[in-house]
Amino acid sequence: MRATTAFSRLLRLHGVRVRAVRFEPQRVVVTVALRRRHLQCPDCAYRAKGRFDTRPVHSVWRHLDLGVWRLEVAATKRV
């Protein structure tokens, strides 16, 4: 089984796909990307292609630790 498939099943993040997994001495970094091109409002389900903020921003979230390793989920918002 691939590491990306294993972490996709382990994290169960809806609406994103695991692109890469990087193992470092003190942490594991899982890079994710949105599955859709169109964004959807969680309240009314309205779909839109555009958005107000179009800057590419790199974000990192800390997930639950994997034993002694720190697990981080990283994503880059693209235009």
PDB file of N, CA and C in Angstrom:
ATOM      1  N   MET A   1       0.837  -1.165   0.000  1.00  0.00           N
ATOM      2  CA  MET A   1       0.000   0.000   0.000  1.00  0.00           C
ATOM      3  C   MET A   1       0.895   1.245   0.000  1.00  0.00           C
ATOM      4  N   ARG A   2       0.531   2.240  -0.779  1.00  0.00           N
ATOM      5  CA  ARG A   2       1.286   3.479  -0.834  1.00  0.00           C
ATOM      6  C   ARG A   2       1.091   4.289   0.449  1.00  0.00           C
ATOM      7  N   ALA A   3       2.079   5.109   0.760  1.00  0.00           N
ATOM      8  CA  ALA A   3       1.988   5.957   1.952  1.00  0.00           C
ATOM      9  C   ALA A   3       0.856   6.970   1.808  1.00  0.00           C
ATOM     10  N   THR A   4       0.632   7.495   0.586  1.00  0.00           N
ATOM     11  CA  THR A   4      -0.447   8.465   0.380  1.00  0.00           C
ATOM     12  C   THR A   4      -1.813   7.824   0.620  1.00  0.00           C
ATOM     13  N   THR A   5      -1.998   6.594   0.176  1.00  0.00           N
ATOM     14  CA  THR A   5      -3.256   5.883   0.397  1.00  0.00           C
ATOM     15  C   THR A   5      -3.453   5.593   1.875  1.00  0.00           C
ATOM     16  N   ALA A   6      -2.403   5.177   2.546  1.00  0.00           N
ATOM     17  CA  ALA A   6      -2.497   4.866   3.974  1.00  0.00           C
ATOM     18  C   ALA A   6      -2.868   6.111   4.784  1.00  0.00           C
ATOM     19  N   PHE A   7      -2.238   7.248   4.496  1.00  0.00           N
ATOM     20  CA  PHE A   7      -2.546   8.459   5.244  1.00  0.00           C
ATOM     21  C   PHE A   7      -3.903   9.035   4.849  1.00  0.00           C
ATOM     22  N   SER A   8      -4.337   8.817   3.636  1.00  0.00           N
ATOM     23  CA  SER A   8      -5.680   9.244   3.239  1.00  0.00           C
ATOM     24  C   SER A   8      -6.730   8.499   4.047  1.00  0.00           C
ATOM     25  N   ARG A   9      -6.542   7.210   4.231  1.00  0.00           N
ATOM     26  CA  ARG A   9      -7.478   6.407   5.034  1.00  0.00           C
ATOM     27  C   ARG A   9      -7.345   6.714   6.517  1.00  0.00           C
ATOM     28  N   LEU A  10      -6.143   6.980   6.969  1.00  0.00           N
ATOM     29  CA  LEU A  10      -5.895   7.253   8.379  1.00  0.00           C
ATOM     30  C   LEU A  10      -6.493   8.595   8.813  1.00  0.00           C
ATOM     31  N   LEU A  11      -6.311   9.631   7.997  1.00  0.00           N
ATOM     32  CA  LEU A  11      -6.762  10.972   8.364  1.00  0.00           C
ATOM     33  C   LEU A  11      -8.243  11.211   8.097  1.00  0.00           C
ATOM     34  N   ARG A  12      -8.803  10.538   7.081  1.00  0.00           N
ATOM     35  CA  ARG A  12     -10.217  10.685   6.710  1.00  0.00           C
ATOM     36  C   ARG A  12     -10.626  12.148   6.522  1.00  0.00           C
ATOM     37  N   LEU A  13      -9.847  12.883   5.755  1.00  0.00           N
ATOM     38  CA  LEU A  13     -10.165  14.275   5.449  1.00  0.00           C
ATOM     39  C   LEU A  13     -11.077  14.307   4.232  1.00  0.00           C
ATOM     40  N   HIS A  14     -12.266  14.873   4.383  1.00  0.00           N
ATOM     41  CA  HIS A  14     -13.240  14.917   3.299  1.00  0.00           C
ATOM     42  C   HIS A  14     -12.981  16.117   2.405  1.00  0.00           C
ATOM     43  N   GLY A  15     -13.071  15.917   1.092  1.00  0.00           N
ATOM     44  CA  GLY A  15     -12.915  17.008   0.142  1.00  0.00           C
ATOM     45  C   GLY A  15     -11.486  17.308  -0.259  1.00  0.00           C
ATOM     46  N   VAL A  16     -10.537  16.562   0.285  1.00  0.00           N
ATOM     47  CA  VAL A  16      -9.137  16.770  -0.094  1.00  0.00           C
ATOM     48  C   VAL A  16      -8.508  15.431  -0.442  1.00  0.00           C
ATOM     49  N   ARG A  17      -7.410  15.489  -1.162  1.00  0.00           N
ATOM     50  CA  ARG A  17      -6.688  14.264  -1.501  1.00  0.00           C
ATOM     51  C   ARG A  17      -5.241  14.418  -1.051  1.00  0.00           C
ATOM     52  N   VAL A  18      -4.664  13.361  -0.577  1.00  0.00           N
ATOM     53  CA  VAL A  18      -3.285  13.367  -0.106  1.00  0.00           C
ATOM     54  C   VAL A  18      -2.370  13.308  -1.319  1.00  0.00           C
ATOM     55  N   ARG A  19      -1.548  14.325  -1.472  1.00  0.00           N
ATOM     56  CA  ARG A  19      -0.640  14.411  -2.627  1.00  0.00           C
ATOM     57  C   ARG A  19       0.728  13.804  -2.333  1.00  0.00           C
ATOM     58  N   ALA A  20       1.225  14.020  -1.103  1.00  0.00           N
ATOM     59  CA  ALA A  20       2.566  13.522  -0.770  1.00  0.00           C
ATOM     60  C   ALA A  20       2.680  13.343   0.737  1.00  0.00           C
ATOM     61  N   VAL A  21       3.594  12.461   1.122  1.00  0.00           N
ATOM     62  CA  VAL A  21       3.901  12.242   2.530  1.00  0.00           C
ATOM     63  C   VAL A  21       5.416  12.324   2.675  1.00  0.00           C
ATOM     64  N   ARG A  22       5.851  13.164   3.605  1.00  0.00           N
ATOM     65  CA  ARG A  22       7.290  13.353   3.817  1.00  0.00           C
ATOM     66  C   ARG A  22       7.618  12.996   5.268  1.00  0.00           C
ATOM     67  N   PHE A  23       8.546  12.059   5.445  1.00  0.00           N
ATOM     68  CA  PHE A  23       8.964  11.625   6.776  1.00  0.00           C
ATOM     69  C   PHE A  23      10.250  12.345   7.147  1.00  0.00           C
ATOM     70  N   GLU A  24      10.222  13.052   8.265  1.00  0.00           N
ATOM     71  CA  GLU A  24      11.393  13.754   8.785  1.00  0.00           C
ATOM     72  C   GLU A  24      11.702  13.191  10.163  1.00  0.00           C
ATOM     73  N   PRO A  25      12.893  13.487  10.736  1.00  0.00           N
ATOM     74  CA  PRO A  25      13.252  12.885  12.034  1.00  0.00           C
ATOM     75  C   PRO A  25      12.260  13.155  13.157  1.00  0.00           C
ATOM     76  N   GLN A  26      11.692  14.347  13.251  1.00  0.00           N
ATOM     77  CA  GLN A  26      10.804  14.687  14.354  1.00  0.00           C
ATOM     78  C   GLN A  26       9.341  14.819  13.957  1.00  0.00           C
ATOM     79  N   ARG A  27       9.047  14.770  12.653  1.00  0.00           N
ATOM     80  CA  ARG A  27       7.667  14.988  12.212  1.00  0.00           C
ATOM     81  C   ARG A  27       7.382  14.286  10.892  1.00  0.00           C
ATOM     82  N   VAL A  28       6.094  14.155  10.630  1.00  0.00           N
ATOM     83  CA  VAL A  28       5.601  13.627   9.351  1.00  0.00           C
ATOM     84  C   VAL A  28       4.736  14.734   8.738  1.00  0.00           C
ATOM     85  N   VAL A  29       5.039  15.109   7.497  1.00  0.00           N
ATOM     86  CA  VAL A  29       4.299  16.174   6.818  1.00  0.00           C
ATOM     87  C   VAL A  29       3.473  15.552   5.698  1.00  0.00           C
ATOM     88  N   VAL A  30       2.151  15.730   5.765  1.00  0.00           N
ATOM     89  CA  VAL A  30       1.238  15.209   4.754  1.00  0.00           C
ATOM     90  C   VAL A  30       0.743  16.406   3.937  1.00  0.00           C
ATOM     91  N   THR A  31       1.044  16.423   2.642  1.00  0.00           N
ATOM     92  CA  THR A  31       0.618  17.510   1.765  1.00  0.00           C
ATOM     93  C   THR A  31      -0.687  17.114   1.097  1.00  0.00           C
ATOM     94  N   VAL A  32      -1.695  18.002   1.187  1.00  0.00           N
ATOM     95  CA  VAL A  32      -3.020  17.721   0.643  1.00  0.00           C
ATOM     96  C   VAL A  32      -3.401  18.789  -0.375  1.00  0.00           C
ATOM     97  N   ALA A  33      -4.405  18.466  -1.219  1.00  0.00           N
ATOM     98  CA  ALA A  33      -4.944  19.397  -2.210  1.00  0.00           C
ATOM     99  C   ALA A  33      -6.452  19.197  -2.292  1.00  0.00           C
ATOM    100  N   LEU A  34      -7.167  20.258  -2.638  1.00  0.00           N
ATOM    101  CA  LEU A  34      -8.617  20.164  -2.797  1.00  0.00           C
ATOM    102  C   LEU A  34      -8.961  19.239  -3.954  1.00  0.00           C
ATOM    103  N   ARG A  35     -10.041  18.481  -3.822  1.00  0.00           N
ATOM    104  CA  ARG A  35     -10.493  17.599  -4.900  1.00  0.00           C
ATOM    105  C   ARG A  35     -11.231  18.372  -5.984  1.00  0.00           C
ATOM    106  N   ARG A  36     -11.901  19.437  -5.623  1.00  0.00           N
ATOM    107  CA  ARG A  36     -12.749  20.165  -6.572  1.00  0.00           C
ATOM    108  C   ARG A  36     -12.100  21.455  -7.037  1.00  0.00           C
ATOM    109  N   ARG A  37     -12.517  21.897  -8.192  1.00  0.00           N
ATOM    110  CA  ARG A  37     -12.108  23.216  -8.670  1.00  0.00           C
ATOM    111  C   ARG A  37     -13.052  24.282  -8.143  1.00  0.00           C
ATOM    112  N   HIS A  38     -14.319  23.927  -7.988  1.00  0.00           N
ATOM    113  CA  HIS A  38     -15.314  24.870  -7.496  1.00  0.00           C
ATOM    114  C   HIS A  38     -15.434  24.745  -5.986  1.00  0.00           C
ATOM    115  N   LEU A  39     -15.495  25.877  -5.321  1.00  0.00           N
ATOM    116  CA  LEU A  39     -15.682  25.884  -3.880  1.00  0.00           C
ATOM    117  C   LEU A  39     -17.165  25.809  -3.569  1.00  0.00           C
ATOM    118  N   GLN A  40     -17.513  25.235  -2.440  1.00  0.00           N
ATOM    119  CA  GLN A  40     -18.912  25.059  -2.061  1.00  0.00           C
ATOM    120  C   GLN A  40     -19.131  25.567  -0.642  1.00  0.00           C
ATOM    121  N   CYS A  41     -20.194  26.342  -0.467  1.00  0.00           N
ATOM    122  CA  CYS A  41     -20.557  26.871   0.842  1.00  0.00           C
ATOM    123  C   CYS A  41     -21.075  25.721   1.718  1.00  0.00           C
ATOM    124  N   PRO A  42     -20.564  25.580   2.950  1.00  0.00           N
ATOM    125  CA  PRO A  42     -21.034  24.494   3.808  1.00  0.00           C
ATOM    126  C   PRO A  42     -22.459  24.709   4.320  1.00  0.00           C
ATOM    127  N   ASP A  43     -22.957  25.949   4.297  1.00  0.00           N
ATOM    128  CA  ASP A  43     -24.302  26.234   4.797  1.00  0.00           C
ATOM    129  C   ASP A  43     -25.385  26.052   3.734  1.00  0.00           C
ATOM    130  N   CYS A  44     -25.202  26.691   2.565  1.00  0.00           N
ATOM    131  CA  CYS A  44     -26.274  26.687   1.564  1.00  0.00           C
ATOM    132  C   CYS A  44     -25.952  25.841   0.336  1.00  0.00           C
ATOM    133  N   ALA A  45     -24.743  25.276   0.254  1.00  0.00           N
ATOM    134  CA  ALA A  45     -24.294  24.429  -0.851  1.00  0.00           C
ATOM    135  C   ALA A  45     -24.147  25.189  -2.168  1.00  0.00           C
ATOM    136  N   TYR A  46     -24.052  26.529  -2.122  1.00  0.00           N
ATOM    137  CA  TYR A  46     -23.812  27.317  -3.331  1.00  0.00           C
ATOM    138  C   TYR A  46     -22.385  27.075  -3.807  1.00  0.00           C
ATOM    139  N   ARG A  47     -22.226  26.840  -5.115  1.00  0.00           N
ATOM    140  CA  ARG A  47     -20.911  26.574  -5.689  1.00  0.00           C
ATOM    141  C   ARG A  47     -20.441  27.778  -6.481  1.00  0.00           C
ATOM    142  N   ALA A  48     -19.164  28.112  -6.353  1.00  0.00           N
ATOM    143  CA  ALA A  48     -18.583  29.234  -7.082  1.00  0.00           C
ATOM    144  C   ALA A  48     -17.150  28.904  -7.471  1.00  0.00           C
ATOM    145  N   LYS A  49     -16.768  29.324  -8.664  1.00  0.00           N
ATOM    146  CA  LYS A  49     -15.407  29.087  -9.121  1.00  0.00           C
ATOM    147  C   LYS A  49     -14.459  30.144  -8.563  1.00  0.00           C
ATOM    148  N   GLY A  50     -14.931  31.383  -8.486  1.00  0.00           N
ATOM    149  CA  GLY A  50     -14.088  32.477  -8.018  1.00  0.00           C
ATOM    150  C   GLY A  50     -14.121  32.639  -6.523  1.00  0.00           C
ATOM    151  N   ARG A  51     -13.165  33.387  -6.024  1.00  0.00           N
ATOM    152  CA  ARG A  51     -13.124  33.719  -4.606  1.00  0.00           C
ATOM    153  C   ARG A  51     -12.478  35.087  -4.457  1.00  0.00           C
ATOM    154  N   PHE A  52     -12.678  35.687  -3.306  1.00  0.00           N
ATOM    155  CA  PHE A  52     -12.185  37.027  -3.069  1.00  0.00           C
ATOM    156  C   PHE A  52     -10.665  37.073  -2.980  1.00  0.00           C
ATOM    157  N   ASP A  53     -10.095  36.196  -2.203  1.00  0.00           N
ATOM    158  CA  ASP A  53      -8.652  36.192  -1.973  1.00  0.00           C
ATOM    159  C   ASP A  53      -7.997  35.158  -2.874  1.00  0.00           C
ATOM    160  N   THR A  54      -7.191  35.586  -3.838  1.00  0.00           N
ATOM    161  CA  THR A  54      -6.583  34.658  -4.789  1.00  0.00           C
ATOM    162  C   THR A  54      -5.073  34.513  -4.602  1.00  0.00           C
ATOM    163  N   ARG A  55      -4.545  34.993  -3.482  1.00  0.00           N
ATOM    164  CA  ARG A  55      -3.112  34.838  -3.236  1.00  0.00           C
ATOM    165  C   ARG A  55      -2.784  33.380  -2.932  1.00  0.00           C
ATOM    166  N   PRO A  56      -1.691  32.846  -3.474  1.00  0.00           N
ATOM    167  CA  PRO A  56      -1.291  31.495  -3.074  1.00  0.00           C
ATOM    168  C   PRO A  56      -0.726  31.541  -1.655  1.00  0.00           C
ATOM    169  N   VAL A  57      -1.380  30.872  -0.744  1.00  0.00           N
ATOM    170  CA  VAL A  57      -0.991  30.900   0.662  1.00  0.00           C
ATOM    171  C   VAL A  57      -0.692  29.481   1.123  1.00  0.00           C
ATOM    172  N   HIS A  58       0.459  29.306   1.730  1.00  0.00           N
ATOM    173  CA  HIS A  58       0.842  27.995   2.253  1.00  0.00           C
ATOM    174  C   HIS A  58       0.369  27.905   3.702  1.00  0.00           C
ATOM    175  N   SER A  59      -0.402  26.882   4.037  1.00  0.00           N
ATOM    176  CA  SER A  59      -0.940  26.705   5.381  1.00  0.00           C
ATOM    177  C   SER A  59      -0.514  25.351   5.930  1.00  0.00           C
ATOM    178  N   VAL A  60      -0.270  25.314   7.228  1.00  0.00           N
ATOM    179  CA  VAL A  60       0.103  24.071   7.909  1.00  0.00           C
ATOM    180  C   VAL A  60      -0.744  23.950   9.165  1.00  0.00           C
ATOM    181  N   TRP A  61      -1.356  22.774   9.341  1.00  0.00           N
ATOM    182  CA  TRP A  61      -2.157  22.486  10.529  1.00  0.00           C
ATOM    183  C   TRP A  61      -1.539  21.308  11.249  1.00  0.00           C
ATOM    184  N   ARG A  62      -1.566  21.352  12.561  1.00  0.00           N
ATOM    185  CA  ARG A  62      -1.050  20.236  13.339  1.00  0.00           C
ATOM    186  C   ARG A  62      -2.190  19.261  13.620  1.00  0.00           C
ATOM    187  N   HIS A  63      -1.965  18.006  13.319  1.00  0.00           N
ATOM    188  CA  HIS A  63      -2.944  16.949  13.543  1.00  0.00           C
ATOM    189  C   HIS A  63      -2.542  16.206  14.819  1.00  0.00           C
ATOM    190  N   LEU A  64      -3.286  15.193  15.193  1.00  0.00           N
ATOM    191  CA  LEU A  64      -2.911  14.365  16.336  1.00  0.00           C
ATOM    192  C   LEU A  64      -1.559  13.704  16.075  1.00  0.00           C
ATOM    193  N   ASP A  65      -0.751  13.593  17.101  1.00  0.00           N
ATOM    194  CA  ASP A  65       0.578  13.024  16.946  1.00  0.00           C
ATOM    195  C   ASP A  65       0.524  11.526  16.674  1.00  0.00           C
ATOM    196  N   LEU A  66       1.538  11.040  15.975  1.00  0.00           N
ATOM    197  CA  LEU A  66       1.696   9.606  15.696  1.00  0.00           C
ATOM    198  C   LEU A  66       2.804   9.071  16.594  1.00  0.00           C
ATOM    199  N   GLY A  67       2.460   8.761  17.817  1.00  0.00           N
ATOM    200  CA  GLY A  67       3.476   8.294  18.755  1.00  0.00           C
ATOM    201  C   GLY A  67       4.423   9.424  19.094  1.00  0.00           C
ATOM    202  N   VAL A  68       5.697   9.282  18.738  1.00  0.00           N
ATOM    203  CA  VAL A  68       6.684  10.317  19.029  1.00  0.00           C
ATOM    204  C   VAL A  68       6.817  11.331  17.897  1.00  0.00           C
ATOM    205  N   TRP A  69       6.163  11.092  16.750  1.00  0.00           N
ATOM    206  CA  TRP A  69       6.265  12.009  15.617  1.00  0.00           C
ATOM    207  C   TRP A  69       5.110  13.005  15.601  1.00  0.00           C
ATOM    208  N   ARG A  70       5.427  14.222  15.292  1.00  0.00           N
ATOM    209  CA  ARG A  70       4.414  15.264  15.140  1.00  0.00           C
ATOM    210  C   ARG A  70       3.844  15.166  13.714  1.00  0.00           C
ATOM    211  N   LEU A  71       2.528  15.164  13.593  1.00  0.00           N
ATOM    212  CA  LEU A  71       1.881  15.036  12.284  1.00  0.00           C
ATOM    213  C   LEU A  71       1.355  16.391  11.864  1.00  0.00           C
ATOM    214  N   GLU A  72       1.791  16.861  10.686  1.00  0.00           N
ATOM    215  CA  GLU A  72       1.359  18.144  10.161  1.00  0.00           C
ATOM    216  C   GLU A  72       0.690  17.942   8.813  1.00  0.00           C
ATOM    217  N   VAL A  73      -0.408  18.658   8.588  1.00  0.00           N
ATOM    218  CA  VAL A  73      -1.117  18.633   7.313  1.00  0.00           C
ATOM    219  C   VAL A  73      -0.847  19.968   6.630  1.00  0.00           C
ATOM    220  N   ALA A  74      -0.258  19.921   5.432  1.00  0.00           N
ATOM    221  CA  ALA A  74       0.106  21.136   4.711  1.00  0.00           C
ATOM    222  C   ALA A  74      -0.697  21.238   3.419  1.00  0.00           C
ATOM    223  N   ALA A  75      -1.086  22.476   3.082  1.00  0.00           N
ATOM    224  CA  ALA A  75      -1.822  22.726   1.846  1.00  0.00           C
ATOM    225  C   ALA A  75      -1.462  24.092   1.299  1.00  0.00           C
ATOM    226  N   THR A  76      -1.543  24.235  -0.017  1.00  0.00           N
ATOM    227  CA  THR A  76      -1.335  25.514  -0.664  1.00  0.00           C
ATOM    228  C   THR A  76      -2.594  25.861  -1.446  1.00  0.00           C
ATOM    229  N   LYS A  77      -3.171  27.004  -1.137  1.00  0.00           N
ATOM    230  CA  LYS A  77      -4.350  27.465  -1.870  1.00  0.00           C
ATOM    231  C   LYS A  77      -3.865  28.031  -3.197  1.00  0.00           C
ATOM    232  N   ARG A  78      -4.411  27.526  -4.282  1.00  0.00           N
ATOM    233  CA  ARG A  78      -3.987  27.968  -5.614  1.00  0.00           C
ATOM    234  C   ARG A  78      -5.114  28.707  -6.306  1.00  0.00           C
ATOM    235  N   VAL A  79      -4.709  29.497  -7.270  1.00  0.00           N
ATOM    236  CA  VAL A  79      -5.675  30.284  -8.048  1.00  0.00           C
ATOM    237  C   VAL A  79      -6.435  29.409  -9.001  1.00  0.00           C
TER     238      VAL A  79
END
